[in-house]
Amino acid sequence: MLVPAFIISLSLKGTMDISGIREENTDDEDLTDGQR
């Protein structure tokens, strides 16, 4: 896994805009966070 990951990482540079990404909330309102 490490060898391909290193090779692929060489083609990725810079950063991404993640300002629009919110924390994930579940659609299941019947379970509490502790139950999940």
Full PDB file with SEQRES, HELIX, SHEET, SSBOND, CRYST1, ORIGX, SCALE, CONECT and MASTER records, all heavy atoms in Angstrom:
SEQRES   1 A   36  MET LEU VAL PRO ALA PHE ILE ILE SER LEU SER LEU LYS          
SEQRES   2 A   36  GLY THR MET ASP ILE SER GLY ILE ARG GLU GLU ASN THR          
SEQRES   3 A   36  ASP ASP GLU ASP LEU THR ASP GLY GLN ARG                      
HELIX    1 AA1 LEU A    2  SER A    9  1                                   8    
CRYST1    1.000    1.000    1.000  90.00  90.00  90.00 P 1           1          
ORIGX1      1.000000  0.000000  0.000000        0.00000                         
ORIGX2      0.000000  1.000000  0.000000        0.00000                         
ORIGX3      0.000000  0.000000  1.000000        0.00000                         
SCALE1      1.000000  0.000000  0.000000        0.00000                         
SCALE2      0.000000  1.000000  0.000000        0.00000                         
SCALE3      0.000000  0.000000  1.000000        0.00000                         
ATOM      1  N   MET A   1       0.815  -1.199   0.000  1.00  0.00           N  
ATOM      2  CA  MET A   1       0.000   0.000   0.000  1.00  0.00           C  
ATOM      3  C   MET A   1       0.857   1.261   0.000  1.00  0.00           C  
ATOM      4  O   MET A   1       0.554   2.244  -0.679  1.00  0.00           O  
ATOM      5  CB  MET A   1      -0.927   0.001   1.222  1.00  0.00           C  
ATOM      6  CG  MET A   1      -1.846   1.215   1.337  1.00  0.00           C  
ATOM      7  SD  MET A   1      -1.099   2.647   2.160  1.00  0.00           S  
ATOM      8  CE  MET A   1      -1.035   2.071   3.853  1.00  0.00           C  
ATOM      9  N   LEU A   2       1.962   1.249   0.757  1.00  0.00           N  
ATOM     10  CA  LEU A   2       2.806   2.436   0.900  1.00  0.00           C  
ATOM     11  C   LEU A   2       3.475   2.836  -0.412  1.00  0.00           C  
ATOM     12  O   LEU A   2       3.572   4.029  -0.732  1.00  0.00           O  
ATOM     13  CB  LEU A   2       3.877   2.193   1.966  1.00  0.00           C  
ATOM     14  CG  LEU A   2       3.385   2.091   3.414  1.00  0.00           C  
ATOM     15  CD1 LEU A   2       4.540   1.732   4.338  1.00  0.00           C  
ATOM     16  CD2 LEU A   2       2.744   3.400   3.859  1.00  0.00           C  
ATOM     17  N   VAL A   3       3.954   1.869  -1.174  1.00  0.00           N  
ATOM     18  CA  VAL A   3       4.633   2.174  -2.440  1.00  0.00           C  
ATOM     19  C   VAL A   3       3.693   2.898  -3.411  1.00  0.00           C  
ATOM     20  O   VAL A   3       4.030   3.975  -3.919  1.00  0.00           O  
ATOM     21  CB  VAL A   3       5.224   0.895  -3.071  1.00  0.00           C  
ATOM     22  CG1 VAL A   3       5.732   1.172  -4.487  1.00  0.00           C  
ATOM     23  CG2 VAL A   3       6.359   0.356  -2.206  1.00  0.00           C  
ATOM     24  N   PRO A   4       2.484   2.366  -3.696  1.00  0.00           N  
ATOM     25  CA  PRO A   4       1.551   3.109  -4.568  1.00  0.00           C  
ATOM     26  C   PRO A   4       1.133   4.456  -3.981  1.00  0.00           C  
ATOM     27  O   PRO A   4       0.989   5.436  -4.720  1.00  0.00           O  
ATOM     28  CB  PRO A   4       0.354   2.160  -4.682  1.00  0.00           C  
ATOM     29  CG  PRO A   4       0.907   0.812  -4.407  1.00  0.00           C  
ATOM     30  CD  PRO A   4       1.966   1.030  -3.368  1.00  0.00           C  
ATOM     31  N   ALA A   5       0.927   4.512  -2.661  1.00  0.00           N  
ATOM     32  CA  ALA A   5       0.518   5.776  -2.033  1.00  0.00           C  
ATOM     33  C   ALA A   5       1.583   6.846  -2.240  1.00  0.00           C  
ATOM     34  O   ALA A   5       1.272   8.008  -2.531  1.00  0.00           O  
ATOM     35  CB  ALA A   5       0.251   5.571  -0.550  1.00  0.00           C  
ATOM     36  N   PHE A   6       2.839   6.462  -2.096  1.00  0.00           N  
ATOM     37  CA  PHE A   6       3.934   7.423  -2.298  1.00  0.00           C  
ATOM     38  C   PHE A   6       3.981   7.902  -3.746  1.00  0.00           C  
ATOM     39  O   PHE A   6       4.122   9.106  -4.015  1.00  0.00           O  
ATOM     40  CB  PHE A   6       5.264   6.775  -1.918  1.00  0.00           C  
ATOM     41  CG  PHE A   6       6.461   7.633  -2.238  1.00  0.00           C  
ATOM     42  CD1 PHE A   6       6.770   8.743  -1.462  1.00  0.00           C  
ATOM     43  CD2 PHE A   6       7.268   7.337  -3.330  1.00  0.00           C  
ATOM     44  CE1 PHE A   6       7.865   9.540  -1.772  1.00  0.00           C  
ATOM     45  CE2 PHE A   6       8.359   8.131  -3.644  1.00  0.00           C  
ATOM     46  CZ  PHE A   6       8.662   9.239  -2.861  1.00  0.00           C  
ATOM     47  N   ILE A   7       3.831   6.976  -4.686  1.00  0.00           N  
ATOM     48  CA  ILE A   7       3.877   7.345  -6.113  1.00  0.00           C  
ATOM     49  C   ILE A   7       2.724   8.288  -6.455  1.00  0.00           C  
ATOM     50  O   ILE A   7       2.906   9.304  -7.130  1.00  0.00           O  
ATOM     51  CB  ILE A   7       3.830   6.085  -6.999  1.00  0.00           C  
ATOM     52  CG1 ILE A   7       5.078   5.228  -6.766  1.00  0.00           C  
ATOM     53  CG2 ILE A   7       3.731   6.470  -8.475  1.00  0.00           C  
ATOM     54  CD1 ILE A   7       5.050   3.889  -7.472  1.00  0.00           C  
ATOM     55  N   ILE A   8       1.523   7.976  -5.987  1.00  0.00           N  
ATOM     56  CA  ILE A   8       0.355   8.818  -6.273  1.00  0.00           C  
ATOM     57  C   ILE A   8       0.492  10.179  -5.603  1.00  0.00           C  
ATOM     58  O   ILE A   8       0.090  11.208  -6.159  1.00  0.00           O  
ATOM     59  CB  ILE A   8      -0.944   8.109  -5.841  1.00  0.00           C  
ATOM     60  CG1 ILE A   8      -1.175   6.848  -6.684  1.00  0.00           C  
ATOM     61  CG2 ILE A   8      -2.145   9.047  -5.977  1.00  0.00           C  
ATOM     62  CD1 ILE A   8      -2.359   6.014  -6.240  1.00  0.00           C  
ATOM     63  N   SER A   9       1.063  10.213  -4.398  1.00  0.00           N  
ATOM     64  CA  SER A   9       1.196  11.480  -3.665  1.00  0.00           C  
ATOM     65  C   SER A   9       2.071  12.490  -4.410  1.00  0.00           C  
ATOM     66  O   SER A   9       1.910  13.696  -4.243  1.00  0.00           O  
ATOM     67  CB  SER A   9       1.778  11.228  -2.278  1.00  0.00           C  
ATOM     68  OG  SER A   9       3.136  10.846  -2.348  1.00  0.00           O  
ATOM     69  N   LEU A  10       2.988  12.005  -5.248  1.00  0.00           N  
ATOM     70  CA  LEU A  10       3.873  12.895  -6.004  1.00  0.00           C  
ATOM     71  C   LEU A  10       3.101  13.739  -7.020  1.00  0.00           C  
ATOM     72  O   LEU A  10       3.578  14.805  -7.433  1.00  0.00           O  
ATOM     73  CB  LEU A  10       4.959  12.084  -6.724  1.00  0.00           C  
ATOM     74  CG  LEU A  10       5.915  11.285  -5.821  1.00  0.00           C  
ATOM     75  CD1 LEU A  10       6.891  10.485  -6.670  1.00  0.00           C  
ATOM     76  CD2 LEU A  10       6.663  12.218  -4.868  1.00  0.00           C  
ATOM     77  N   SER A  11       1.919  13.257  -7.420  1.00  0.00           N  
ATOM     78  CA  SER A  11       1.121  13.991  -8.412  1.00  0.00           C  
ATOM     79  C   SER A  11       0.112  14.935  -7.763  1.00  0.00           C  
ATOM     80  O   SER A  11      -0.644  15.604  -8.471  1.00  0.00           O  
ATOM     81  CB  SER A  11       0.380  12.998  -9.316  1.00  0.00           C  
ATOM     82  OG  SER A  11      -0.560  12.246  -8.578  1.00  0.00           O  
ATOM     83  N   LEU A  12       0.077  14.983  -6.429  1.00  0.00           N  
ATOM     84  CA  LEU A  12      -0.874  15.840  -5.720  1.00  0.00           C  
ATOM     85  C   LEU A  12      -0.118  16.968  -5.012  1.00  0.00           C  
ATOM     86  O   LEU A  12       0.765  16.711  -4.191  1.00  0.00           O  
ATOM     87  CB  LEU A  12      -1.662  15.024  -4.690  1.00  0.00           C  
ATOM     88  CG  LEU A  12      -2.622  13.975  -5.265  1.00  0.00           C  
ATOM     89  CD1 LEU A  12      -3.156  13.092  -4.152  1.00  0.00           C  
ATOM     90  CD2 LEU A  12      -3.772  14.630  -6.017  1.00  0.00           C  
ATOM     91  N   LYS A  13      -0.471  18.177  -5.342  1.00  0.00           N  
ATOM     92  CA  LYS A  13       0.191  19.343  -4.741  1.00  0.00           C  
ATOM     93  C   LYS A  13      -0.856  20.332  -4.243  1.00  0.00           C  
ATOM     94  O   LYS A  13      -1.983  20.390  -4.748  1.00  0.00           O  
ATOM     95  CB  LYS A  13       1.097  20.045  -5.767  1.00  0.00           C  
ATOM     96  CG  LYS A  13       2.143  19.147  -6.432  1.00  0.00           C  
ATOM     97  CD  LYS A  13       3.201  18.684  -5.439  1.00  0.00           C  
ATOM     98  CE  LYS A  13       4.258  17.834  -6.157  1.00  0.00           C  
ATOM     99  NZ  LYS A  13       5.272  17.326  -5.198  1.00  0.00           N  
ATOM    100  N   GLY A  14      -0.484  21.144  -3.252  1.00  0.00           N  
ATOM    101  CA  GLY A  14      -1.325  22.254  -2.828  1.00  0.00           C  
ATOM    102  C   GLY A  14      -2.408  21.860  -1.846  1.00  0.00           C  
ATOM    103  O   GLY A  14      -2.375  20.804  -1.209  1.00  0.00           O  
ATOM    104  N   THR A  15      -3.421  22.731  -1.773  1.00  0.00           N  
ATOM    105  CA  THR A  15      -4.511  22.560  -0.803  1.00  0.00           C  
ATOM    106  C   THR A  15      -5.865  22.652  -1.487  1.00  0.00           C  
ATOM    107  O   THR A  15      -5.963  23.015  -2.657  1.00  0.00           O  
ATOM    108  CB  THR A  15      -4.427  23.652   0.292  1.00  0.00           C  
ATOM    109  OG1 THR A  15      -4.549  24.938  -0.337  1.00  0.00           O  
ATOM    110  CG2 THR A  15      -3.110  23.567   1.050  1.00  0.00           C  
ATOM    111  N   MET A  16      -6.905  22.324  -0.716  1.00  0.00           N  
ATOM    112  CA  MET A  16      -8.271  22.395  -1.219  1.00  0.00           C  
ATOM    113  C   MET A  16      -9.077  23.334  -0.330  1.00  0.00           C  
ATOM    114  O   MET A  16      -8.745  23.543   0.836  1.00  0.00           O  
ATOM    115  CB  MET A  16      -8.921  21.006  -1.204  1.00  0.00           C  
ATOM    116  CG  MET A  16      -8.261  19.993  -2.108  1.00  0.00           C  
ATOM    117  SD  MET A  16      -9.078  18.375  -1.979  1.00  0.00           S  
ATOM    118  CE  MET A  16      -8.699  17.956  -0.263  1.00  0.00           C  
ATOM    119  N   ASP A  17     -10.137  23.863  -0.892  1.00  0.00           N  
ATOM    120  CA  ASP A  17     -11.047  24.717  -0.126  1.00  0.00           C  
ATOM    121  C   ASP A  17     -12.089  23.832   0.548  1.00  0.00           C  
ATOM    122  O   ASP A  17     -12.918  23.213  -0.117  1.00  0.00           O  
ATOM    123  CB  ASP A  17     -11.726  25.719  -1.058  1.00  0.00           C  
ATOM    124  CG  ASP A  17     -12.684  26.641  -0.296  1.00  0.00           C  
ATOM    125  OD1 ASP A  17     -12.592  26.670   0.950  1.00  0.00           O  
ATOM    126  OD2 ASP A  17     -13.491  27.316  -0.950  1.00  0.00           O  
ATOM    127  N   ILE A  18     -12.028  23.733   1.885  1.00  0.00           N  
ATOM    128  CA  ILE A  18     -12.981  22.893   2.619  1.00  0.00           C  
ATOM    129  C   ILE A  18     -13.893  23.731   3.509  1.00  0.00           C  
ATOM    130  O   ILE A  18     -14.533  23.217   4.420  1.00  0.00           O  
ATOM    131  CB  ILE A  18     -12.240  21.844   3.477  1.00  0.00           C  
ATOM    132  CG1 ILE A  18     -11.354  22.551   4.517  1.00  0.00           C  
ATOM    133  CG2 ILE A  18     -11.428  20.914   2.616  1.00  0.00           C  
ATOM    134  CD1 ILE A  18     -10.770  21.597   5.540  1.00  0.00           C  
ATOM    135  N   SER A  19     -13.945  25.040   3.213  1.00  0.00           N  
ATOM    136  CA  SER A  19     -14.743  25.930   4.064  1.00  0.00           C  
ATOM    137  C   SER A  19     -16.227  25.585   4.031  1.00  0.00           C  
ATOM    138  O   SER A  19     -16.968  25.861   4.985  1.00  0.00           O  
ATOM    139  CB  SER A  19     -14.547  27.390   3.634  1.00  0.00           C  
ATOM    140  OG  SER A  19     -14.919  27.561   2.265  1.00  0.00           O  
ATOM    141  N   GLY A  20     -16.671  24.989   2.935  1.00  0.00           N  
ATOM    142  CA  GLY A  20     -18.095  24.679   2.830  1.00  0.00           C  
ATOM    143  C   GLY A  20     -18.480  23.336   3.407  1.00  0.00           C  
ATOM    144  O   GLY A  20     -19.647  22.963   3.402  1.00  0.00           O  
ATOM    145  N   ILE A  21     -17.476  22.601   3.927  1.00  0.00           N  
ATOM    146  CA  ILE A  21     -17.753  21.267   4.460  1.00  0.00           C  
ATOM    147  C   ILE A  21     -18.137  21.367   5.923  1.00  0.00           C  
ATOM    148  O   ILE A  21     -17.401  21.914   6.730  1.00  0.00           O  
ATOM    149  CB  ILE A  21     -16.519  20.353   4.304  1.00  0.00           C  
ATOM    150  CG1 ILE A  21     -16.164  20.221   2.819  1.00  0.00           C  
ATOM    151  CG2 ILE A  21     -16.798  18.987   4.900  1.00  0.00           C  
ATOM    152  CD1 ILE A  21     -14.898  19.438   2.586  1.00  0.00           C  
ATOM    153  N   ARG A  22     -19.277  20.835   6.287  1.00  0.00           N  
ATOM    154  CA  ARG A  22     -19.746  20.869   7.664  1.00  0.00           C  
ATOM    155  C   ARG A  22     -19.501  19.531   8.334  1.00  0.00           C  
ATOM    156  O   ARG A  22     -19.284  18.523   7.691  1.00  0.00           O  
ATOM    157  CB  ARG A  22     -21.245  21.202   7.706  1.00  0.00           C  
ATOM    158  CG  ARG A  22     -21.595  22.556   7.131  1.00  0.00           C  
ATOM    159  CD  ARG A  22     -23.095  22.750   7.121  1.00  0.00           C  
ATOM    160  NE  ARG A  22     -23.749  21.746   6.292  1.00  0.00           N  
ATOM    161  CZ  ARG A  22     -25.062  21.611   6.194  1.00  0.00           C  
ATOM    162  NH1 ARG A  22     -25.861  22.389   6.905  1.00  0.00           N  
ATOM    163  NH2 ARG A  22     -25.575  20.685   5.405  1.00  0.00           N  
ATOM    164  N   GLU A  23     -19.560  19.564   9.659  1.00  0.00           N  
ATOM    165  CA  GLU A  23     -19.440  18.317  10.414  1.00  0.00           C  
ATOM    166  C   GLU A  23     -20.601  17.406  10.045  1.00  0.00           C  
ATOM    167  O   GLU A  23     -21.722  17.839   9.808  1.00  0.00           O  
ATOM    168  CB  GLU A  23     -19.479  18.601  11.923  1.00  0.00           C  
ATOM    169  CG  GLU A  23     -18.271  19.379  12.417  1.00  0.00           C  
ATOM    170  CD  GLU A  23     -16.998  18.557  12.346  1.00  0.00           C  
ATOM    171  OE1 GLU A  23     -16.974  17.445  12.890  1.00  0.00           O  
ATOM    172  OE2 GLU A  23     -16.034  19.036  11.726  1.00  0.00           O  
ATOM    173  N   GLU A  24     -20.283  16.127   9.988  1.00  0.00           N  
ATOM    174  CA  GLU A  24     -21.303  15.148   9.605  1.00  0.00           C  
ATOM    175  C   GLU A  24     -22.290  14.900  10.738  1.00  0.00           C  
ATOM    176  O   GLU A  24     -21.906  14.643  11.874  1.00  0.00           O  
ATOM    177  CB  GLU A  24     -20.617  13.816   9.245  1.00  0.00           C  
ATOM    178  CG  GLU A  24     -21.558  12.720   8.828  1.00  0.00           C  
ATOM    179  CD  GLU A  24     -22.101  12.907   7.434  1.00  0.00           C  
ATOM    180  OE1 GLU A  24     -21.696  13.849   6.754  1.00  0.00           O  
ATOM    181  OE2 GLU A  24     -22.944  12.097   7.032  1.00  0.00           O  
ATOM    182  N   ASN A  25     -23.540  15.015  10.419  1.00  0.00           N  
ATOM    183  CA  ASN A  25     -24.591  14.690  11.386  1.00  0.00           C  
ATOM    184  C   ASN A  25     -25.430  13.564  10.820  1.00  0.00           C  
ATOM    185  O   ASN A  25     -25.740  13.529   9.632  1.00  0.00           O  
ATOM    186  CB  ASN A  25     -25.489  15.902  11.655  1.00  0.00           C  
ATOM    187  CG  ASN A  25     -24.747  17.007  12.369  1.00  0.00           C  
ATOM    188  OD1 ASN A  25     -24.048  16.761  13.349  1.00  0.00           O  
ATOM    189  ND2 ASN A  25     -24.885  18.234  11.883  1.00  0.00           N  
ATOM    190  N   THR A  26     -25.829  12.668  11.654  1.00  0.00           N  
ATOM    191  CA  THR A  26     -26.611  11.536  11.178  1.00  0.00           C  
ATOM    192  C   THR A  26     -28.046  11.934  10.894  1.00  0.00           C  
ATOM    193  O   THR A  26     -28.590  12.826  11.524  1.00  0.00           O  
ATOM    194  CB  THR A  26     -26.598  10.384  12.210  1.00  0.00           C  
ATOM    195  OG1 THR A  26     -27.364   9.306  11.682  1.00  0.00           O  
ATOM    196  CG2 THR A  26     -27.199  10.804  13.541  1.00  0.00           C  
ATOM    197  N   ASP A  27     -28.643  11.242   9.950  1.00  0.00           N  
ATOM    198  CA  ASP A  27     -30.055  11.455   9.654  1.00  0.00           C  
ATOM    199  C   ASP A  27     -30.946  10.662  10.611  1.00  0.00           C  
ATOM    200  O   ASP A  27     -32.151  10.797  10.609  1.00  0.00           O  
ATOM    201  CB  ASP A  27     -30.351  11.026   8.206  1.00  0.00           C  
ATOM    202  CG  ASP A  27     -29.742  11.978   7.199  1.00  0.00           C  
ATOM    203  OD1 ASP A  27     -29.748  13.189   7.446  1.00  0.00           O  
ATOM    204  OD2 ASP A  27     -29.256  11.499   6.161  1.00  0.00           O  
ATOM    205  N   ASP A  28     -30.304   9.816  11.415  1.00  0.00           N  
ATOM    206  CA  ASP A  28     -31.070   8.990  12.332  1.00  0.00           C  
ATOM    207  C   ASP A  28     -31.281   9.738  13.633  1.00  0.00           C  
ATOM    208  O   ASP A  28     -30.385   9.850  14.458  1.00  0.00           O  
ATOM    209  CB  ASP A  28     -30.309   7.685  12.585  1.00  0.00           C  
ATOM    210  CG  ASP A  28     -31.151   6.681  13.343  1.00  0.00           C  
ATOM    211  OD1 ASP A  28     -32.194   7.081  13.875  1.00  0.00           O  
ATOM    212  OD2 ASP A  28     -30.745   5.510  13.385  1.00  0.00           O  
ATOM    213  N   GLU A  29     -32.482  10.272  13.845  1.00  0.00           N  
ATOM    214  CA  GLU A  29     -32.765  11.076  15.024  1.00  0.00           C  
ATOM    215  C   GLU A  29     -33.225  10.231  16.204  1.00  0.00           C  
ATOM    216  O   GLU A  29     -33.474  10.751  17.287  1.00  0.00           O  
ATOM    217  CB  GLU A  29     -33.843  12.115  14.680  1.00  0.00           C  
ATOM    218  CG  GLU A  29     -33.410  13.085  13.585  1.00  0.00           C  
ATOM    219  CD  GLU A  29     -34.533  14.017  13.169  1.00  0.00           C  
ATOM    220  OE1 GLU A  29     -35.678  13.784  13.625  1.00  0.00           O  
ATOM    221  OE2 GLU A  29     -34.284  14.953  12.412  1.00  0.00           O  
ATOM    222  N   ASP A  30     -33.348   8.909  16.003  1.00  0.00           N  
ATOM    223  CA  ASP A  30     -33.849   8.049  17.059  1.00  0.00           C  
ATOM    224  C   ASP A  30     -32.738   7.477  17.930  1.00  0.00           C  
ATOM    225  O   ASP A  30     -33.015   6.831  18.939  1.00  0.00           O  
ATOM    226  CB  ASP A  30     -34.671   6.902  16.460  1.00  0.00           C  
ATOM    227  CG  ASP A  30     -35.909   7.425  15.756  1.00  0.00           C  
ATOM    228  OD1 ASP A  30     -36.799   7.948  16.444  1.00  0.00           O  
ATOM    229  OD2 ASP A  30     -35.954   7.343  14.522  1.00  0.00           O  
ATOM    230  N   LEU A  31     -31.491   7.669  17.570  1.00  0.00           N  
ATOM    231  CA  LEU A  31     -30.369   7.210  18.370  1.00  0.00           C  
ATOM    232  C   LEU A  31     -29.589   8.401  18.892  1.00  0.00           C  
ATOM    233  O   LEU A  31     -29.332   9.359  18.167  1.00  0.00           O  
ATOM    234  CB  LEU A  31     -29.430   6.319  17.541  1.00  0.00           C  
ATOM    235  CG  LEU A  31     -29.911   4.917  17.155  1.00  0.00           C  
ATOM    236  CD1 LEU A  31     -28.814   4.176  16.415  1.00  0.00           C  
ATOM    237  CD2 LEU A  31     -30.349   4.131  18.365  1.00  0.00           C  
ATOM    238  N   THR A  32     -29.182   8.323  20.138  1.00  0.00           N  
ATOM    239  CA  THR A  32     -28.335   9.369  20.697  1.00  0.00           C  
ATOM    240  C   THR A  32     -26.897   9.139  20.243  1.00  0.00           C  
ATOM    241  O   THR A  32     -26.563   8.077  19.707  1.00  0.00           O  
ATOM    242  CB  THR A  32     -28.389   9.350  22.224  1.00  0.00           C  
ATOM    243  OG1 THR A  32     -27.804   8.112  22.698  1.00  0.00           O  
ATOM    244  CG2 THR A  32     -29.823   9.459  22.726  1.00  0.00           C  
ATOM    245  N   ASP A  33     -26.051  10.138  20.471  1.00  0.00           N  
ATOM    246  CA  ASP A  33     -24.648   9.998  20.100  1.00  0.00           C  
ATOM    247  C   ASP A  33     -24.007   8.830  20.847  1.00  0.00           C  
ATOM    248  O   ASP A  33     -23.217   8.071  20.287  1.00  0.00           O  
ATOM    249  CB  ASP A  33     -23.900  11.293  20.410  1.00  0.00           C  
ATOM    250  CG  ASP A  33     -22.458  11.263  19.935  1.00  0.00           C  
ATOM    251  OD1 ASP A  33     -22.237  11.103  18.715  1.00  0.00           O  
ATOM    252  OD2 ASP A  33     -21.549  11.378  20.787  1.00  0.00           O  
ATOM    253  N   GLY A  34     -24.367   8.673  22.112  1.00  0.00           N  
ATOM    254  CA  GLY A  34     -23.824   7.573  22.902  1.00  0.00           C  
ATOM    255  C   GLY A  34     -24.268   6.216  22.378  1.00  0.00           C  
ATOM    256  O   GLY A  34     -23.484   5.255  22.358  1.00  0.00           O  
ATOM    257  N   GLN A  35     -25.513   6.128  21.933  1.00  0.00           N  
ATOM    258  CA  GLN A  35     -26.019   4.864  21.390  1.00  0.00           C  
ATOM    259  C   GLN A  35     -25.320   4.509  20.072  1.00  0.00           C  
ATOM    260  O   GLN A  35     -25.003   3.350  19.818  1.00  0.00           O  
ATOM    261  CB  GLN A  35     -27.527   4.949  21.191  1.00  0.00           C  
ATOM    262  CG  GLN A  35     -28.311   4.944  22.495  1.00  0.00           C  
ATOM    263  CD  GLN A  35     -29.789   5.158  22.282  1.00  0.00           C  
ATOM    264  OE1 GLN A  35     -30.211   5.836  21.337  1.00  0.00           O  
ATOM    265  NE2 GLN A  35     -30.613   4.612  23.170  1.00  0.00           N  
ATOM    266  N   ARG A  36     -25.076   5.522  19.226  1.00  0.00           N  
ATOM    267  CA  ARG A  36     -24.363   5.267  17.963  1.00  0.00           C  
ATOM    268  C   ARG A  36     -22.954   4.756  18.235  1.00  0.00           C  
ATOM    269  O   ARG A  36     -22.459   3.853  17.566  1.00  0.00           O  
ATOM    270  CB  ARG A  36     -24.334   6.536  17.120  1.00  0.00           C  
ATOM    271  CG  ARG A  36     -25.665   6.900  16.489  1.00  0.00           C  
ATOM    272  CD  ARG A  36     -25.502   7.933  15.397  1.00  0.00           C  
ATOM    273  NE  ARG A  36     -25.041   9.214  15.947  1.00  0.00           N  
ATOM    274  CZ  ARG A  36     -25.845  10.149  16.424  1.00  0.00           C  
ATOM    275  NH1 ARG A  36     -27.151   9.942  16.454  1.00  0.00           N  
ATOM    276  NH2 ARG A  36     -25.363  11.286  16.884  1.00  0.00           N  
TER     277      ARG A  36                                                      
MASTER        0    0    0    1    0    0    0    6  276    1    0    3          
END                                                                             
